[in-house]
Amino acid sequence: MPPSMTDNSYATLALANPRPQVLQLSLNRPDSANAFNTQMATELILCFETLALDAGDTRCIVLTGAGERAFCAGGDLKERGGMSDAAWRAQHLIFERMIRAVIDCPVPLIAAVNGAAVGGGCELACAADFIYAADSAQFAMTETSLGIIPGAGGTQNLARALGERRAKELILSARRFDAAEAYRWGLVNEVFAADKLLEEVLQVASEIAGNAPLAVRQAKAAIHRGLQMSLADGLAFEIEAYNRTVPTADRREGVLAFNENRTPNFKGE
């Protein structure tokens, strides 16, 4: 069964349906600044892989952090204290699978960064389709200050969002940057007052959820995968994705609703 607001099986995640067909997924370890430990990473894998297999009526996901202090402080260094090299690598395999599950989720995913997004928390935000941030949010990829490098997509996703030179500056220096800088550089789509962030994000999520879900998924895939191809290959992939929408009932409903001057009733079929 897809995750729902009645799902109480997660110890480190809080799920809710604040709007029709919108799933709010909150990282729920506020006493640890929502840092992800092995359990949270495992639960994120389960949640996102379940959504990939059967999203039910979920058409958009909003990822945020519980509490007001942090979105996610990255990997839980207290749990990692004293780990052997072998144990560290074994745990990181879980983190790698976690970030791939997030990136590969076919359902649109918005990160609502309500506080600090540091280290792996910044990487997790970068794995979303796009980011909105509170004006109080802080970002950083601090791994080089700990003797490692970003290992949950950070070197790839940050560079794709900001360009090679800015990504090098931020990752090599491990310095913090605020929401205004993140917006100016193109990492964040919009910045809102902290008390308005979730309301604004849910409004956009509802707009996405109101569109034809099969078309939205194909558009997401065409953009994401096309940018990793040559222009010619990307155009060919776009047509493949387009052709998948042609025989759908939603395509027929969309055109009919337009001609009848009414709101379409998309069913994902």
C-alpha atoms as a PDB file:
ATOM      1  CA  MET A   1       0.000   0.000   0.000  1.00  0.00           C
ATOM      2  CA  PRO A   2       1.273   3.531  -0.714  1.00  0.00           C
ATOM      3  CA  PRO A   3       2.198   5.736   2.245  1.00  0.00           C
ATOM      4  CA  SER A   4      -0.700   7.741   3.629  1.00  0.00           C
ATOM      5  CA  MET A   5      -1.536  10.003   6.522  1.00  0.00           C
ATOM      6  CA  THR A   6      -2.694   6.965   8.476  1.00  0.00           C
ATOM      7  CA  ASP A   7       0.653   5.198   8.083  1.00  0.00           C
ATOM      8  CA  ASN A   8       2.231   4.947  11.544  1.00  0.00           C
ATOM      9  CA  SER A   9       4.922   2.444  10.616  1.00  0.00           C
ATOM     10  CA  TYR A  10       7.769   4.968  10.434  1.00  0.00           C
ATOM     11  CA  ALA A  11       9.691   5.911  13.575  1.00  0.00           C
ATOM     12  CA  THR A  12      11.712   8.741  11.987  1.00  0.00           C
ATOM     13  CA  LEU A  13       9.284  10.091   9.379  1.00  0.00           C
ATOM     14  CA  ALA A  14       5.936  11.835   9.794  1.00  0.00           C
ATOM     15  CA  LEU A  15       3.452  11.547   6.928  1.00  0.00           C
ATOM     16  CA  ALA A  16       0.378  13.662   6.311  1.00  0.00           C
ATOM     17  CA  ASN A  17      -1.981  14.607   3.488  1.00  0.00           C
ATOM     18  CA  PRO A  18      -2.519  18.350   4.012  1.00  0.00           C
ATOM     19  CA  ARG A  19      -4.052  18.809   0.560  1.00  0.00           C
ATOM     20  CA  PRO A  20      -5.821  16.394  -1.799  1.00  0.00           C
ATOM     21  CA  GLN A  21      -3.305  14.161  -3.586  1.00  0.00           C
ATOM     22  CA  VAL A  22      -0.366  15.847  -1.830  1.00  0.00           C
ATOM     23  CA  LEU A  23       1.854  13.909   0.562  1.00  0.00           C
ATOM     24  CA  GLN A  24       3.809  15.883   3.165  1.00  0.00           C
ATOM     25  CA  LEU A  25       6.815  13.885   4.309  1.00  0.00           C
ATOM     26  CA  SER A  26       8.582  15.348   7.339  1.00  0.00           C
ATOM     27  CA  LEU A  27      11.978  14.198   8.566  1.00  0.00           C
ATOM     28  CA  ASN A  28      11.047  13.614  12.177  1.00  0.00           C
ATOM     29  CA  ARG A  29      14.071  13.662  14.481  1.00  0.00           C
ATOM     30  CA  PRO A  30      13.842  17.275  15.684  1.00  0.00           C
ATOM     31  CA  ASP A  31      15.929  16.621  18.805  1.00  0.00           C
ATOM     32  CA  SER A  32      18.797  15.659  16.463  1.00  0.00           C
ATOM     33  CA  ALA A  33      18.189  18.485  13.964  1.00  0.00           C
ATOM     34  CA  ASN A  34      16.525  15.854  11.748  1.00  0.00           C
ATOM     35  CA  ALA A  35      19.892  14.252  10.999  1.00  0.00           C
ATOM     36  CA  PHE A  36      19.467  10.964   9.214  1.00  0.00           C
ATOM     37  CA  ASN A  37      20.718   7.878  10.988  1.00  0.00           C
ATOM     38  CA  THR A  38      20.649   4.357   9.601  1.00  0.00           C
ATOM     39  CA  GLN A  39      16.993   3.942  10.549  1.00  0.00           C
ATOM     40  CA  MET A  40      15.845   7.152   8.874  1.00  0.00           C
ATOM     41  CA  ALA A  41      17.791   6.339   5.724  1.00  0.00           C
ATOM     42  CA  THR A  42      16.243   2.876   5.650  1.00  0.00           C
ATOM     43  CA  GLU A  43      12.765   4.325   6.155  1.00  0.00           C
ATOM     44  CA  LEU A  44      13.326   6.884   3.390  1.00  0.00           C
ATOM     45  CA  ILE A  45      14.299   4.047   1.054  1.00  0.00           C
ATOM     46  CA  LEU A  46      11.149   2.135   1.960  1.00  0.00           C
ATOM     47  CA  CYS A  47       8.922   5.189   1.604  1.00  0.00           C
ATOM     48  CA  PHE A  48      10.273   6.365  -1.756  1.00  0.00           C
ATOM     49  CA  GLU A  49      10.576   2.907  -3.276  1.00  0.00           C
ATOM     50  CA  THR A  50       6.986   2.208  -2.221  1.00  0.00           C
ATOM     51  CA  LEU A  51       5.887   5.437  -3.896  1.00  0.00           C
ATOM     52  CA  ALA A  52       7.784   4.473  -7.045  1.00  0.00           C
ATOM     53  CA  LEU A  53       5.950   1.156  -7.202  1.00  0.00           C
ATOM     54  CA  ASP A  54       2.496   2.409  -6.202  1.00  0.00           C
ATOM     55  CA  ALA A  55       1.914   6.060  -5.424  1.00  0.00           C
ATOM     56  CA  GLY A  56      -1.819   5.578  -4.953  1.00  0.00           C
ATOM     57  CA  ASP A  57      -3.466   8.968  -5.314  1.00  0.00           C
ATOM     58  CA  THR A  58      -0.278  10.865  -4.411  1.00  0.00           C
ATOM     59  CA  ARG A  59       0.552  13.284  -7.215  1.00  0.00           C
ATOM     60  CA  CYS A  60       3.092  15.508  -5.481  1.00  0.00           C
ATOM     61  CA  ILE A  61       5.367  15.133  -2.447  1.00  0.00           C
ATOM     62  CA  VAL A  62       6.570  17.898  -0.143  1.00  0.00           C
ATOM     63  CA  LEU A  63       9.700  17.036   1.835  1.00  0.00           C
ATOM     64  CA  THR A  64      10.417  19.128   4.916  1.00  0.00           C
ATOM     65  CA  GLY A  65      11.849  18.914   8.433  1.00  0.00           C
ATOM     66  CA  ALA A  66       9.961  18.617  11.706  1.00  0.00           C
ATOM     67  CA  GLY A  67      10.338  21.546  14.093  1.00  0.00           C
ATOM     68  CA  GLU A  68      11.610  25.018  13.325  1.00  0.00           C
ATOM     69  CA  ARG A  69      15.357  24.606  13.748  1.00  0.00           C
ATOM     70  CA  ALA A  70      16.452  22.390  10.888  1.00  0.00           C
ATOM     71  CA  PHE A  71      15.467  20.809   7.628  1.00  0.00           C
ATOM     72  CA  CYS A  72      18.193  18.176   7.993  1.00  0.00           C
ATOM     73  CA  ALA A  73      21.657  18.287   9.562  1.00  0.00           C
ATOM     74  CA  GLY A  74      22.921  15.460   7.353  1.00  0.00           C
ATOM     75  CA  GLY A  75      24.306  12.165   8.552  1.00  0.00           C
ATOM     76  CA  ASP A  76      24.098  11.596  12.311  1.00  0.00           C
ATOM     77  CA  LEU A  77      27.725  11.925  13.434  1.00  0.00           C
ATOM     78  CA  LYS A  78      26.894  10.714  16.935  1.00  0.00           C
ATOM     79  CA  GLU A  79      25.803   7.396  15.474  1.00  0.00           C
ATOM     80  CA  ARG A  80      28.934   7.365  13.341  1.00  0.00           C
ATOM     81  CA  GLY A  81      31.281   8.037  16.252  1.00  0.00           C
ATOM     82  CA  GLY A  82      33.757   5.166  16.650  1.00  0.00           C
ATOM     83  CA  MET A  83      32.598   3.325  13.545  1.00  0.00           C
ATOM     84  CA  SER A  84      35.158   1.108  11.866  1.00  0.00           C
ATOM     85  CA  ASP A  85      35.961   1.779   8.225  1.00  0.00           C
ATOM     86  CA  ALA A  86      33.974  -1.314   7.273  1.00  0.00           C
ATOM     87  CA  ALA A  87      30.940  -0.240   9.289  1.00  0.00           C
ATOM     88  CA  TRP A  88      31.138   3.286   7.824  1.00  0.00           C
ATOM     89  CA  ARG A  89      31.178   1.903   4.261  1.00  0.00           C
ATOM     90  CA  ALA A  90      28.307  -0.472   5.024  1.00  0.00           C
ATOM     91  CA  GLN A  91      26.196   2.365   6.387  1.00  0.00           C
ATOM     92  CA  HIS A  92      27.055   4.581   3.450  1.00  0.00           C
ATOM     93  CA  LEU A  93      25.735   1.978   1.047  1.00  0.00           C
ATOM     94  CA  ILE A  94      22.355   2.563   2.697  1.00  0.00           C
ATOM     95  CA  PHE A  95      22.745   6.333   2.273  1.00  0.00           C
ATOM     96  CA  GLU A  96      23.621   5.827  -1.408  1.00  0.00           C
ATOM     97  CA  ARG A  97      20.519   3.740  -1.979  1.00  0.00           C
ATOM     98  CA  MET A  98      18.469   6.353  -0.085  1.00  0.00           C
ATOM     99  CA  ILE A  99      19.514   9.222  -2.332  1.00  0.00           C
ATOM    100  CA  ARG A 100      18.943   7.155  -5.473  1.00  0.00           C
ATOM    101  CA  ALA A 101      15.439   6.285  -4.266  1.00  0.00           C
ATOM    102  CA  VAL A 102      14.725   9.997  -3.793  1.00  0.00           C
ATOM    103  CA  ILE A 103      16.162  11.023  -7.170  1.00  0.00           C
ATOM    104  CA  ASP A 104      14.467   8.171  -9.032  1.00  0.00           C
ATOM    105  CA  CYS A 105      11.010   8.705  -7.530  1.00  0.00           C
ATOM    106  CA  PRO A 106       8.680   9.392 -10.485  1.00  0.00           C
ATOM    107  CA  VAL A 107       6.318  11.533  -8.382  1.00  0.00           C
ATOM    108  CA  PRO A 108       7.212  15.266  -8.358  1.00  0.00           C
ATOM    109  CA  LEU A 109       9.122  16.175  -5.205  1.00  0.00           C
ATOM    110  CA  ILE A 110       9.471  19.661  -3.707  1.00  0.00           C
ATOM    111  CA  ALA A 111      11.900  20.333  -0.865  1.00  0.00           C
ATOM    112  CA  ALA A 112      10.570  22.875   1.643  1.00  0.00           C
ATOM    113  CA  VAL A 113      13.752  23.855   3.471  1.00  0.00           C
ATOM    114  CA  ASN A 114      12.526  25.287   6.754  1.00  0.00           C
ATOM    115  CA  GLY A 115      15.874  25.572   8.548  1.00  0.00           C
ATOM    116  CA  ALA A 116      19.468  24.395   8.324  1.00  0.00           C
ATOM    117  CA  ALA A 117      20.261  22.033   5.439  1.00  0.00           C
ATOM    118  CA  VAL A 118      23.815  20.959   6.144  1.00  0.00           C
ATOM    119  CA  GLY A 119      26.020  18.250   4.682  1.00  0.00           C
ATOM    120  CA  GLY A 120      23.843  15.353   3.632  1.00  0.00           C
ATOM    121  CA  GLY A 121      20.797  17.485   4.428  1.00  0.00           C
ATOM    122  CA  CYS A 122      21.818  19.911   1.700  1.00  0.00           C
ATOM    123  CA  GLU A 123      22.426  16.945  -0.593  1.00  0.00           C
ATOM    124  CA  LEU A 124      18.957  15.614   0.200  1.00  0.00           C
ATOM    125  CA  ALA A 125      17.380  18.961  -0.683  1.00  0.00           C
ATOM    126  CA  CYS A 126      19.366  19.031  -3.936  1.00  0.00           C
ATOM    127  CA  ALA A 127      17.922  15.617  -4.827  1.00  0.00           C
ATOM    128  CA  ALA A 128      14.405  17.095  -4.993  1.00  0.00           C
ATOM    129  CA  ASP A 129      12.970  18.406  -8.259  1.00  0.00           C
ATOM    130  CA  PHE A 130      13.192  21.943  -6.905  1.00  0.00           C
ATOM    131  CA  ILE A 131      13.554  23.795  -3.627  1.00  0.00           C
ATOM    132  CA  TYR A 132      11.663  26.514  -1.777  1.00  0.00           C
ATOM    133  CA  ALA A 133      13.271  27.912   1.360  1.00  0.00           C
ATOM    134  CA  ALA A 134      12.405  29.906   4.444  1.00  0.00           C
ATOM    135  CA  ASP A 135      14.190  33.241   4.693  1.00  0.00           C
ATOM    136  CA  SER A 136      15.931  31.884   7.793  1.00  0.00           C
ATOM    137  CA  ALA A 137      17.271  28.766   6.037  1.00  0.00           C
ATOM    138  CA  GLN A 138      20.992  28.061   5.907  1.00  0.00           C
ATOM    139  CA  PHE A 139      22.775  25.736   3.504  1.00  0.00           C
ATOM    140  CA  ALA A 140      26.210  24.119   3.485  1.00  0.00           C
ATOM    141  CA  MET A 141      28.063  21.100   2.212  1.00  0.00           C
ATOM    142  CA  THR A 142      30.514  20.742   5.064  1.00  0.00           C
ATOM    143  CA  GLU A 143      31.984  17.341   4.287  1.00  0.00           C
ATOM    144  CA  THR A 144      35.508  18.508   3.408  1.00  0.00           C
ATOM    145  CA  SER A 145      35.772  20.023   6.896  1.00  0.00           C
ATOM    146  CA  LEU A 146      35.189  16.513   8.264  1.00  0.00           C
ATOM    147  CA  GLY A 147      37.747  14.762   6.102  1.00  0.00           C
ATOM    148  CA  ILE A 148      35.308  13.355   3.532  1.00  0.00           C
ATOM    149  CA  ILE A 149      33.456  14.676   0.477  1.00  0.00           C
ATOM    150  CA  PRO A 150      29.754  14.858  -0.354  1.00  0.00           C
ATOM    151  CA  GLY A 151      28.728  11.277  -1.058  1.00  0.00           C
ATOM    152  CA  ALA A 152      24.973  11.517  -1.533  1.00  0.00           C
ATOM    153  CA  GLY A 153      24.931  13.217  -4.907  1.00  0.00           C
ATOM    154  CA  GLY A 154      26.239  16.563  -3.713  1.00  0.00           C
ATOM    155  CA  THR A 155      29.166  16.960  -6.077  1.00  0.00           C
ATOM    156  CA  GLN A 156      26.871  16.171  -9.000  1.00  0.00           C
ATOM    157  CA  ASN A 157      23.577  17.849  -8.121  1.00  0.00           C
ATOM    158  CA  LEU A 158      25.066  21.065  -6.745  1.00  0.00           C
ATOM    159  CA  ALA A 159      27.271  21.472  -9.805  1.00  0.00           C
ATOM    160  CA  ARG A 160      24.306  20.884 -12.094  1.00  0.00           C
ATOM    161  CA  ALA A 161      22.274  23.492 -10.213  1.00  0.00           C
ATOM    162  CA  LEU A 162      24.936  26.170  -9.741  1.00  0.00           C
ATOM    163  CA  GLY A 163      27.646  25.409 -12.285  1.00  0.00           C
ATOM    164  CA  GLU A 164      31.100  23.970 -11.760  1.00  0.00           C
ATOM    165  CA  ARG A 165      32.851  27.041 -10.344  1.00  0.00           C
ATOM    166  CA  ARG A 166      30.268  27.921  -7.699  1.00  0.00           C
ATOM    167  CA  ALA A 167      29.943  24.277  -6.654  1.00  0.00           C
ATOM    168  CA  LYS A 168      33.701  24.007  -6.260  1.00  0.00           C
ATOM    169  CA  GLU A 169      33.781  27.187  -4.183  1.00  0.00           C
ATOM    170  CA  LEU A 170      31.080  25.966  -1.795  1.00  0.00           C
ATOM    171  CA  ILE A 171      32.185  22.341  -1.480  1.00  0.00           C
ATOM    172  CA  LEU A 172      35.923  22.999  -1.189  1.00  0.00           C
ATOM    173  CA  SER A 173      35.462  25.795   1.356  1.00  0.00           C
ATOM    174  CA  ALA A 174      32.628  24.003   3.222  1.00  0.00           C
ATOM    175  CA  ARG A 175      31.182  27.439   3.936  1.00  0.00           C
ATOM    176  CA  ARG A 176      27.594  28.212   4.814  1.00  0.00           C
ATOM    177  CA  PHE A 177      25.356  30.280   2.569  1.00  0.00           C
ATOM    178  CA  ASP A 178      21.945  31.698   3.286  1.00  0.00           C
ATOM    179  CA  ALA A 179      18.600  31.454   1.514  1.00  0.00           C
ATOM    180  CA  ALA A 180      19.083  34.755  -0.320  1.00  0.00           C
ATOM    181  CA  GLU A 181      22.382  33.560  -1.781  1.00  0.00           C
ATOM    182  CA  ALA A 182      20.866  30.184  -2.662  1.00  0.00           C
ATOM    183  CA  TYR A 183      18.084  31.992  -4.511  1.00  0.00           C
ATOM    184  CA  ARG A 184      20.451  34.377  -6.271  1.00  0.00           C
ATOM    185  CA  TRP A 185      22.645  31.500  -7.466  1.00  0.00           C
ATOM    186  CA  GLY A 186      19.726  29.370  -8.661  1.00  0.00           C
ATOM    187  CA  LEU A 187      19.682  26.581  -6.082  1.00  0.00           C
ATOM    188  CA  VAL A 188      16.394  27.765  -4.561  1.00  0.00           C
ATOM    189  CA  ASN A 189      13.386  28.704  -6.690  1.00  0.00           C
ATOM    190  CA  GLU A 190      11.839  31.109  -4.168  1.00  0.00           C
ATOM    191  CA  VAL A 191      12.296  32.330  -0.608  1.00  0.00           C
ATOM    192  CA  PHE A 192       9.376  32.883   1.756  1.00  0.00           C
ATOM    193  CA  ALA A 193       8.899  34.071   5.325  1.00  0.00           C
ATOM    194  CA  ALA A 194       9.329  31.064   7.602  1.00  0.00           C
ATOM    195  CA  ASP A 195       5.712  31.144   8.792  1.00  0.00           C
ATOM    196  CA  LYS A 196       4.451  31.209   5.175  1.00  0.00           C
ATOM    197  CA  LEU A 197       6.797  28.610   3.659  1.00  0.00           C
ATOM    198  CA  LEU A 198       4.651  25.512   3.966  1.00  0.00           C
ATOM    199  CA  GLU A 199       1.494  27.310   2.876  1.00  0.00           C
ATOM    200  CA  GLU A 200       3.229  28.571  -0.269  1.00  0.00           C
ATOM    201  CA  VAL A 201       4.802  25.208  -1.062  1.00  0.00           C
ATOM    202  CA  LEU A 202       1.515  23.365  -0.607  1.00  0.00           C
ATOM    203  CA  GLN A 203      -0.144  25.778  -3.007  1.00  0.00           C
ATOM    204  CA  VAL A 204       2.376  24.903  -5.724  1.00  0.00           C
ATOM    205  CA  ALA A 205       2.079  21.209  -4.857  1.00  0.00           C
ATOM    206  CA  SER A 206      -1.686  21.462  -5.294  1.00  0.00           C
ATOM    207  CA  GLU A 207      -1.221  23.074  -8.701  1.00  0.00           C
ATOM    208  CA  ILE A 208       1.033  20.198  -9.763  1.00  0.00           C
ATOM    209  CA  ALA A 209      -1.408  17.654  -8.331  1.00  0.00           C
ATOM    210  CA  GLY A 210      -4.213  19.244 -10.354  1.00  0.00           C
ATOM    211  CA  ASN A 211      -2.484  18.524 -13.661  1.00  0.00           C
ATOM    212  CA  ALA A 212      -2.550  15.215 -15.505  1.00  0.00           C
ATOM    213  CA  PRO A 213      -0.351  12.935 -13.364  1.00  0.00           C
ATOM    214  CA  LEU A 214       0.894  10.731 -16.198  1.00  0.00           C
ATOM    215  CA  ALA A 215       1.860  13.804 -18.216  1.00  0.00           C
ATOM    216  CA  VAL A 216       3.562  15.389 -15.208  1.00  0.00           C
ATOM    217  CA  ARG A 217       5.624  12.250 -14.645  1.00  0.00           C
ATOM    218  CA  GLN A 218       6.645  12.051 -18.289  1.00  0.00           C
ATOM    219  CA  ALA A 219       7.599  15.738 -18.310  1.00  0.00           C
ATOM    220  CA  LYS A 220       9.707  15.254 -15.178  1.00  0.00           C
ATOM    221  CA  ALA A 221      11.495  12.284 -16.730  1.00  0.00           C
ATOM    222  CA  ALA A 222      12.061  14.095 -20.036  1.00  0.00           C
ATOM    223  CA  ILE A 223      13.654  17.095 -18.331  1.00  0.00           C
ATOM    224  CA  HIS A 224      15.790  15.121 -15.888  1.00  0.00           C
ATOM    225  CA  ARG A 225      17.046  12.487 -18.294  1.00  0.00           C
ATOM    226  CA  GLY A 226      17.200  14.768 -21.314  1.00  0.00           C
ATOM    227  CA  LEU A 227      19.666  17.083 -19.591  1.00  0.00           C
ATOM    228  CA  GLN A 228      22.058  14.131 -19.318  1.00  0.00           C
ATOM    229  CA  MET A 229      21.939  13.544 -23.096  1.00  0.00           C
ATOM    230  CA  SER A 230      22.966  15.390 -26.213  1.00  0.00           C
ATOM    231  CA  LEU A 231      20.307  17.726 -27.599  1.00  0.00           C
ATOM    232  CA  ALA A 232      19.477  15.287 -30.397  1.00  0.00           C
ATOM    233  CA  ASP A 233      19.086  12.377 -27.965  1.00  0.00           C
ATOM    234  CA  GLY A 234      17.121  14.564 -25.560  1.00  0.00           C
ATOM    235  CA  LEU A 235      14.698  15.552 -28.310  1.00  0.00           C
ATOM    236  CA  ALA A 236      14.239  11.897 -29.233  1.00  0.00           C
ATOM    237  CA  PHE A 237      13.572  10.991 -25.592  1.00  0.00           C
ATOM    238  CA  GLU A 238      11.098  13.862 -25.309  1.00  0.00           C
ATOM    239  CA  ILE A 239       9.088  12.459 -28.234  1.00  0.00           C
ATOM    240  CA  GLU A 240       9.090   9.008 -26.620  1.00  0.00           C
ATOM    241  CA  ALA A 241       7.735  10.573 -23.419  1.00  0.00           C
ATOM    242  CA  TYR A 242       5.212  12.637 -25.389  1.00  0.00           C
ATOM    243  CA  ASN A 243       3.950   9.584 -27.267  1.00  0.00           C
ATOM    244  CA  ARG A 244       3.274   7.816 -23.957  1.00  0.00           C
ATOM    245  CA  THR A 245       0.699  10.506 -23.136  1.00  0.00           C
ATOM    246  CA  VAL A 246      -1.183  10.369 -26.451  1.00  0.00           C
ATOM    247  CA  PRO A 247      -3.239   7.182 -25.854  1.00  0.00           C
ATOM    248  CA  THR A 248      -4.216   8.122 -22.279  1.00  0.00           C
ATOM    249  CA  ALA A 249      -7.724   8.899 -21.063  1.00  0.00           C
ATOM    250  CA  ASP A 250      -6.260  11.975 -19.371  1.00  0.00           C
ATOM    251  CA  ARG A 251      -5.166  13.404 -22.728  1.00  0.00           C
ATOM    252  CA  ARG A 252      -8.682  12.958 -24.100  1.00  0.00           C
ATOM    253  CA  GLU A 253     -10.176  14.427 -20.917  1.00  0.00           C
ATOM    254  CA  GLY A 254      -7.856  17.438 -21.033  1.00  0.00           C
ATOM    255  CA  VAL A 255      -8.837  18.351 -24.580  1.00  0.00           C
ATOM    256  CA  LEU A 256     -12.528  17.710 -23.928  1.00  0.00           C
ATOM    257  CA  ALA A 257     -12.487  19.862 -20.761  1.00  0.00           C
ATOM    258  CA  PHE A 258     -10.763  22.677 -22.641  1.00  0.00           C
ATOM    259  CA  ASN A 259     -13.400  22.628 -25.377  1.00  0.00           C
ATOM    260  CA  GLU A 260     -16.206  22.458 -22.820  1.00  0.00           C
ATOM    261  CA  ASN A 261     -14.661  25.315 -20.818  1.00  0.00           C
ATOM    262  CA  ARG A 262     -14.466  23.350 -17.561  1.00  0.00           C
ATOM    263  CA  THR A 263     -11.856  22.043 -15.132  1.00  0.00           C
ATOM    264  CA  PRO A 264     -10.562  18.628 -16.234  1.00  0.00           C
ATOM    265  CA  ASN A 265     -10.992  15.597 -14.030  1.00  0.00           C
ATOM    266  CA  PHE A 266      -7.725  13.728 -14.427  1.00  0.00           C
ATOM    267  CA  LYS A 267      -7.621  10.164 -13.145  1.00  0.00           C
ATOM    268  CA  GLY A 268      -4.102   9.100 -14.034  1.00  0.00           C
ATOM    269  CA  GLU A 269      -5.326   6.748 -16.741  1.00  0.00           C
END
